[in-house]
């Protein structure tokens, strides 16, 4: 009996270790009801939060086979990147890369970098905006002006368009962060990524 108890304890520890390691490998980005971002190794539901990047809904007739087509909206491009990484499919990711004027040697290097991207777990995809050169100075408004005149003197503030996409990932079986920034190009009426 004295020999059986330590044997059972070691057997339980052996069974628990791979499960604990598998649980520690996944990092989830969750958004709470208050809008705060939380990084955790637990499921978002257990915190009462929602996943930052919920899985894409399968469309009717989607057989899992990639359909050729270009991303006309940025949301479509991010969805294609997410699908390629989740399926670890470098060919799918390379299909949205803008290959114009790339030599054979450079193409091999790019494929190697894309391969490393699809092998890492994806946490988030965020837009990258250009740096703002200067903050516009406020325009003085005449206190006696009507509302229409006051609005006409204030220049509209436009949000800059993203110039890239930043992929937040983890390295292999760890929680070590990894970051890849893809440049964005618009060609042929579609969005494409570059390195």
C-alpha atoms as a PDB file:
ATOM      1  CA  UNK A   1       0.000   0.000   0.000  1.00  0.00           C
ATOM      2  CA  UNK A   2       2.878   2.384   0.772  1.00  0.00           C
ATOM      3  CA  UNK A   3       4.231   1.782  -2.726  1.00  0.00           C
ATOM      4  CA  UNK A   4       0.864   2.251  -4.461  1.00  0.00           C
ATOM      5  CA  UNK A   5       0.187   5.801  -3.124  1.00  0.00           C
ATOM      6  CA  UNK A   6       3.418   7.361  -4.492  1.00  0.00           C
ATOM      7  CA  UNK A   7       2.929   5.447  -7.741  1.00  0.00           C
ATOM      8  CA  UNK A   8      -0.607   6.831  -8.143  1.00  0.00           C
ATOM      9  CA  UNK A   9       0.581  10.331  -7.260  1.00  0.00           C
ATOM     10  CA  UNK A  10       3.359  10.225  -9.859  1.00  0.00           C
ATOM     11  CA  UNK A  11       0.913   8.843 -12.453  1.00  0.00           C
ATOM     12  CA  UNK A  12      -1.477  11.742 -11.760  1.00  0.00           C
ATOM     13  CA  UNK A  13       1.368  14.251 -12.096  1.00  0.00           C
ATOM     14  CA  UNK A  14       2.466  12.701 -15.399  1.00  0.00           C
ATOM     15  CA  UNK A  15      -1.062  12.970 -16.782  1.00  0.00           C
ATOM     16  CA  UNK A  16      -1.515  16.509 -15.478  1.00  0.00           C
ATOM     17  CA  UNK A  17       1.795  17.951 -16.798  1.00  0.00           C
ATOM     18  CA  UNK A  18       0.975  17.804 -20.560  1.00  0.00           C
ATOM     19  CA  UNK A  19      -2.498  19.211 -19.893  1.00  0.00           C
ATOM     20  CA  UNK A  20      -1.080  22.106 -17.829  1.00  0.00           C
ATOM     21  CA  UNK A  21       1.566  22.800 -20.467  1.00  0.00           C
ATOM     22  CA  UNK A  22      -1.052  22.847 -23.241  1.00  0.00           C
ATOM     23  CA  UNK A  23      -3.194  25.255 -21.204  1.00  0.00           C
ATOM     24  CA  UNK A  24      -0.234  27.571 -20.547  1.00  0.00           C
ATOM     25  CA  UNK A  25       0.644  27.766 -24.242  1.00  0.00           C
ATOM     26  CA  UNK A  26      -2.453  29.680 -25.315  1.00  0.00           C
ATOM     27  CA  UNK A  27      -2.782  33.401 -24.641  1.00  0.00           C
ATOM     28  CA  UNK A  28      -6.219  34.935 -25.175  1.00  0.00           C
ATOM     29  CA  UNK A  29      -6.980  38.614 -25.668  1.00  0.00           C
ATOM     30  CA  UNK A  30     -10.344  39.412 -24.138  1.00  0.00           C
ATOM     31  CA  UNK A  31     -12.479  42.538 -23.877  1.00  0.00           C
ATOM     32  CA  UNK A  32     -14.468  43.072 -20.674  1.00  0.00           C
ATOM     33  CA  UNK A  33     -17.934  44.619 -20.534  1.00  0.00           C
ATOM     34  CA  UNK A  34     -16.265  47.904 -19.501  1.00  0.00           C
ATOM     35  CA  UNK A  35     -14.171  47.862 -22.704  1.00  0.00           C
ATOM     36  CA  UNK A  36     -10.864  46.974 -21.029  1.00  0.00           C
ATOM     37  CA  UNK A  37      -8.445  44.617 -22.742  1.00  0.00           C
ATOM     38  CA  UNK A  38      -7.262  41.610 -20.721  1.00  0.00           C
ATOM     39  CA  UNK A  39      -4.608  39.058 -21.702  1.00  0.00           C
ATOM     40  CA  UNK A  40      -5.130  35.678 -20.047  1.00  0.00           C
ATOM     41  CA  UNK A  41      -4.406  31.998 -20.388  1.00  0.00           C
ATOM     42  CA  UNK A  42      -7.996  31.185 -19.384  1.00  0.00           C
ATOM     43  CA  UNK A  43     -11.000  31.344 -21.669  1.00  0.00           C
ATOM     44  CA  UNK A  44     -12.618  34.746 -22.104  1.00  0.00           C
ATOM     45  CA  UNK A  45     -16.002  33.328 -21.057  1.00  0.00           C
ATOM     46  CA  UNK A  46     -14.621  32.348 -17.646  1.00  0.00           C
ATOM     47  CA  UNK A  47     -13.811  36.032 -17.021  1.00  0.00           C
ATOM     48  CA  UNK A  48     -17.195  37.253 -18.222  1.00  0.00           C
ATOM     49  CA  UNK A  49     -15.491  38.849 -21.234  1.00  0.00           C
ATOM     50  CA  UNK A  50     -15.648  38.341 -24.978  1.00  0.00           C
ATOM     51  CA  UNK A  51     -12.888  37.287 -27.341  1.00  0.00           C
ATOM     52  CA  UNK A  52     -11.148  40.164 -29.136  1.00  0.00           C
ATOM     53  CA  UNK A  53     -11.013  38.164 -32.350  1.00  0.00           C
ATOM     54  CA  UNK A  54     -13.956  35.782 -32.471  1.00  0.00           C
ATOM     55  CA  UNK A  55     -13.691  32.988 -35.018  1.00  0.00           C
ATOM     56  CA  UNK A  56     -15.067  33.837 -38.427  1.00  0.00           C
ATOM     57  CA  UNK A  57     -18.501  32.472 -39.109  1.00  0.00           C
ATOM     58  CA  UNK A  58     -18.574  29.853 -41.819  1.00  0.00           C
ATOM     59  CA  UNK A  59     -20.607  30.984 -44.774  1.00  0.00           C
ATOM     60  CA  UNK A  60     -23.167  28.784 -46.477  1.00  0.00           C
ATOM     61  CA  UNK A  61     -21.462  26.357 -48.793  1.00  0.00           C
ATOM     62  CA  UNK A  62     -18.025  26.949 -47.262  1.00  0.00           C
ATOM     63  CA  UNK A  63     -16.205  23.655 -47.616  1.00  0.00           C
ATOM     64  CA  UNK A  64     -12.911  24.895 -46.192  1.00  0.00           C
ATOM     65  CA  UNK A  65     -11.413  25.133 -49.668  1.00  0.00           C
ATOM     66  CA  UNK A  66      -9.811  28.483 -50.424  1.00  0.00           C
ATOM     67  CA  UNK A  67     -11.647  30.509 -53.034  1.00  0.00           C
ATOM     68  CA  UNK A  68      -9.497  32.881 -55.022  1.00  0.00           C
ATOM     69  CA  UNK A  69     -10.513  36.481 -54.805  1.00  0.00           C
ATOM     70  CA  UNK A  70      -9.042  39.707 -53.644  1.00  0.00           C
ATOM     71  CA  UNK A  71      -9.844  41.651 -50.500  1.00  0.00           C
ATOM     72  CA  UNK A  72     -11.680  44.815 -51.428  1.00  0.00           C
ATOM     73  CA  UNK A  73     -12.093  45.857 -47.766  1.00  0.00           C
ATOM     74  CA  UNK A  74      -9.528  45.882 -44.992  1.00  0.00           C
ATOM     75  CA  UNK A  75     -11.755  43.641 -42.868  1.00  0.00           C
ATOM     76  CA  UNK A  76     -11.654  41.000 -45.626  1.00  0.00           C
ATOM     77  CA  UNK A  77      -7.853  41.178 -45.706  1.00  0.00           C
ATOM     78  CA  UNK A  78      -7.553  40.733 -41.936  1.00  0.00           C
ATOM     79  CA  UNK A  79      -9.970  37.802 -42.140  1.00  0.00           C
ATOM     80  CA  UNK A  80      -7.815  36.159 -44.824  1.00  0.00           C
ATOM     81  CA  UNK A  81      -4.696  36.653 -42.682  1.00  0.00           C
ATOM     82  CA  UNK A  82      -6.466  35.194 -39.637  1.00  0.00           C
ATOM     83  CA  UNK A  83      -7.646  32.178 -41.667  1.00  0.00           C
ATOM     84  CA  UNK A  84      -4.171  31.545 -43.107  1.00  0.00           C
ATOM     85  CA  UNK A  85      -2.527  31.669 -39.670  1.00  0.00           C
ATOM     86  CA  UNK A  86      -5.201  29.540 -37.985  1.00  0.00           C
ATOM     87  CA  UNK A  87      -4.776  26.865 -40.673  1.00  0.00           C
ATOM     88  CA  UNK A  88      -0.972  27.326 -40.778  1.00  0.00           C
ATOM     89  CA  UNK A  89      -1.238  27.702 -44.554  1.00  0.00           C
ATOM     90  CA  UNK A  90       1.665  29.681 -46.019  1.00  0.00           C
ATOM     91  CA  UNK A  91       0.223  29.343 -49.525  1.00  0.00           C
ATOM     92  CA  UNK A  92      -2.945  31.086 -48.431  1.00  0.00           C
ATOM     93  CA  UNK A  93      -0.984  33.902 -46.817  1.00  0.00           C
ATOM     94  CA  UNK A  94       1.269  34.253 -49.858  1.00  0.00           C
ATOM     95  CA  UNK A  95      -1.817  34.597 -52.082  1.00  0.00           C
ATOM     96  CA  UNK A  96      -2.531  38.016 -50.560  1.00  0.00           C
ATOM     97  CA  UNK A  97       1.082  39.190 -50.824  1.00  0.00           C
ATOM     98  CA  UNK A  98       1.896  41.770 -53.530  1.00  0.00           C
ATOM     99  CA  UNK A  99       4.643  39.982 -55.489  1.00  0.00           C
ATOM    100  CA  UNK A 100       5.357  42.644 -58.145  1.00  0.00           C
ATOM    101  CA  UNK A 101       9.052  43.297 -58.894  1.00  0.00           C
ATOM    102  CA  UNK A 102      10.343  40.589 -56.530  1.00  0.00           C
ATOM    103  CA  UNK A 103      13.403  38.543 -57.541  1.00  0.00           C
ATOM    104  CA  UNK A 104      13.633  34.784 -56.993  1.00  0.00           C
ATOM    105  CA  UNK A 105      16.083  35.142 -54.106  1.00  0.00           C
ATOM    106  CA  UNK A 106      13.903  37.762 -52.416  1.00  0.00           C
ATOM    107  CA  UNK A 107      10.794  35.633 -52.996  1.00  0.00           C
ATOM    108  CA  UNK A 108      12.421  32.678 -51.210  1.00  0.00           C
ATOM    109  CA  UNK A 109      13.292  34.922 -48.271  1.00  0.00           C
ATOM    110  CA  UNK A 110       9.732  36.308 -48.130  1.00  0.00           C
ATOM    111  CA  UNK A 111       8.202  32.815 -48.229  1.00  0.00           C
ATOM    112  CA  UNK A 112      10.455  31.840 -45.316  1.00  0.00           C
ATOM    113  CA  UNK A 113       9.256  34.827 -43.302  1.00  0.00           C
ATOM    114  CA  UNK A 114       5.609  34.123 -44.157  1.00  0.00           C
ATOM    115  CA  UNK A 115       6.116  30.485 -43.129  1.00  0.00           C
ATOM    116  CA  UNK A 116       7.367  31.580 -39.709  1.00  0.00           C
ATOM    117  CA  UNK A 117       4.321  33.874 -39.333  1.00  0.00           C
ATOM    118  CA  UNK A 118       1.780  31.102 -39.977  1.00  0.00           C
ATOM    119  CA  UNK A 119       3.533  28.772 -37.516  1.00  0.00           C
ATOM    120  CA  UNK A 120       3.003  31.131 -34.538  1.00  0.00           C
ATOM    121  CA  UNK A 121      -0.301  31.439 -32.616  1.00  0.00           C
ATOM    122  CA  UNK A 122      -2.172  34.655 -33.459  1.00  0.00           C
ATOM    123  CA  UNK A 123      -3.366  36.954 -30.673  1.00  0.00           C
ATOM    124  CA  UNK A 124      -4.422  40.100 -32.512  1.00  0.00           C
ATOM    125  CA  UNK A 125      -4.282  42.035 -35.780  1.00  0.00           C
ATOM    126  CA  UNK A 126      -4.150  45.819 -35.360  1.00  0.00           C
ATOM    127  CA  UNK A 127      -3.946  48.639 -37.917  1.00  0.00           C
ATOM    128  CA  UNK A 128      -0.783  50.759 -38.117  1.00  0.00           C
ATOM    129  CA  UNK A 129      -1.334  54.459 -38.761  1.00  0.00           C
ATOM    130  CA  UNK A 130       1.191  56.992 -40.067  1.00  0.00           C
ATOM    131  CA  UNK A 131       2.810  59.262 -37.517  1.00  0.00           C
ATOM    132  CA  UNK A 132       1.081  62.611 -37.294  1.00  0.00           C
ATOM    133  CA  UNK A 133       3.531  65.378 -38.206  1.00  0.00           C
ATOM    134  CA  UNK A 134       1.950  68.124 -36.150  1.00  0.00           C
ATOM    135  CA  UNK A 135      -1.179  68.667 -34.139  1.00  0.00           C
ATOM    136  CA  UNK A 136      -3.350  71.292 -35.839  1.00  0.00           C
ATOM    137  CA  UNK A 137      -3.719  74.491 -33.882  1.00  0.00           C
ATOM    138  CA  UNK A 138      -7.247  75.374 -32.865  1.00  0.00           C
ATOM    139  CA  UNK A 139      -8.952  77.995 -34.994  1.00  0.00           C
ATOM    140  CA  UNK A 140     -10.415  80.879 -32.987  1.00  0.00           C
ATOM    141  CA  UNK A 141     -14.146  81.167 -33.434  1.00  0.00           C
ATOM    142  CA  UNK A 142     -15.955  84.489 -33.236  1.00  0.00           C
ATOM    143  CA  UNK A 143     -18.249  84.346 -30.190  1.00  0.00           C
ATOM    144  CA  UNK A 144     -20.883  86.367 -32.094  1.00  0.00           C
ATOM    145  CA  UNK A 145     -20.898  83.974 -35.083  1.00  0.00           C
ATOM    146  CA  UNK A 146     -23.870  81.792 -35.803  1.00  0.00           C
ATOM    147  CA  UNK A 147     -23.591  78.028 -35.452  1.00  0.00           C
ATOM    148  CA  UNK A 148     -23.272  77.568 -39.236  1.00  0.00           C
ATOM    149  CA  UNK A 149     -20.473  80.151 -39.430  1.00  0.00           C
ATOM    150  CA  UNK A 150     -18.646  78.633 -36.457  1.00  0.00           C
ATOM    151  CA  UNK A 151     -18.761  75.137 -37.966  1.00  0.00           C
ATOM    152  CA  UNK A 152     -17.558  76.478 -41.333  1.00  0.00           C
ATOM    153  CA  UNK A 153     -14.424  78.007 -39.740  1.00  0.00           C
ATOM    154  CA  UNK A 154     -13.381  74.771 -38.045  1.00  0.00           C
ATOM    155  CA  UNK A 155     -11.483  72.455 -40.396  1.00  0.00           C
ATOM    156  CA  UNK A 156     -12.790  68.900 -40.428  1.00  0.00           C
ATOM    157  CA  UNK A 157     -10.527  66.404 -38.688  1.00  0.00           C
ATOM    158  CA  UNK A 158     -10.031  63.310 -40.761  1.00  0.00           C
ATOM    159  CA  UNK A 159      -8.632  60.085 -39.436  1.00  0.00           C
ATOM    160  CA  UNK A 160      -5.573  58.912 -41.367  1.00  0.00           C
ATOM    161  CA  UNK A 161      -5.802  55.676 -43.300  1.00  0.00           C
ATOM    162  CA  UNK A 162      -3.820  52.700 -42.012  1.00  0.00           C
ATOM    163  CA  UNK A 163      -0.493  52.060 -43.722  1.00  0.00           C
ATOM    164  CA  UNK A 164       0.048  48.581 -42.301  1.00  0.00           C
ATOM    165  CA  UNK A 165      -1.211  45.712 -40.166  1.00  0.00           C
ATOM    166  CA  UNK A 166       0.541  44.592 -36.983  1.00  0.00           C
ATOM    167  CA  UNK A 167       0.230  40.918 -36.067  1.00  0.00           C
ATOM    168  CA  UNK A 168       0.630  40.179 -32.364  1.00  0.00           C
ATOM    169  CA  UNK A 169       1.645  36.554 -31.847  1.00  0.00           C
ATOM    170  CA  UNK A 170       3.514  34.338 -29.417  1.00  0.00           C
ATOM    171  CA  UNK A 171       6.642  32.329 -30.139  1.00  0.00           C
ATOM    172  CA  UNK A 172       5.964  28.586 -30.386  1.00  0.00           C
ATOM    173  CA  UNK A 173       4.987  26.946 -27.122  1.00  0.00           C
ATOM    174  CA  UNK A 174       5.632  29.966 -24.918  1.00  0.00           C
ATOM    175  CA  UNK A 175       4.115  33.282 -23.949  1.00  0.00           C
ATOM    176  CA  UNK A 176       7.015  35.214 -25.490  1.00  0.00           C
ATOM    177  CA  UNK A 177       5.506  37.934 -27.682  1.00  0.00           C
ATOM    178  CA  UNK A 178       6.332  38.201 -31.367  1.00  0.00           C
ATOM    179  CA  UNK A 179       5.313  41.029 -33.672  1.00  0.00           C
ATOM    180  CA  UNK A 180       5.173  41.210 -37.473  1.00  0.00           C
ATOM    181  CA  UNK A 181       4.233  44.364 -39.356  1.00  0.00           C
ATOM    182  CA  UNK A 182       2.865  43.982 -42.874  1.00  0.00           C
ATOM    183  CA  UNK A 183       2.736  47.004 -45.134  1.00  0.00           C
ATOM    184  CA  UNK A 184      -0.570  47.690 -46.899  1.00  0.00           C
ATOM    185  CA  UNK A 185      -0.808  48.374 -50.608  1.00  0.00           C
ATOM    186  CA  UNK A 186      -3.828  48.956 -52.777  1.00  0.00           C
ATOM    187  CA  UNK A 187      -3.540  47.625 -56.324  1.00  0.00           C
ATOM    188  CA  UNK A 188      -6.045  46.343 -58.876  1.00  0.00           C
ATOM    189  CA  UNK A 189      -8.864  47.542 -56.624  1.00  0.00           C
ATOM    190  CA  UNK A 190      -7.734  45.233 -53.781  1.00  0.00           C
ATOM    191  CA  UNK A 191      -5.732  45.337 -50.558  1.00  0.00           C
ATOM    192  CA  UNK A 192      -2.402  43.447 -50.449  1.00  0.00           C
ATOM    193  CA  UNK A 193       0.283  42.912 -47.820  1.00  0.00           C
ATOM    194  CA  UNK A 194       4.031  43.512 -48.160  1.00  0.00           C
ATOM    195  CA  UNK A 195       7.054  42.997 -45.920  1.00  0.00           C
END
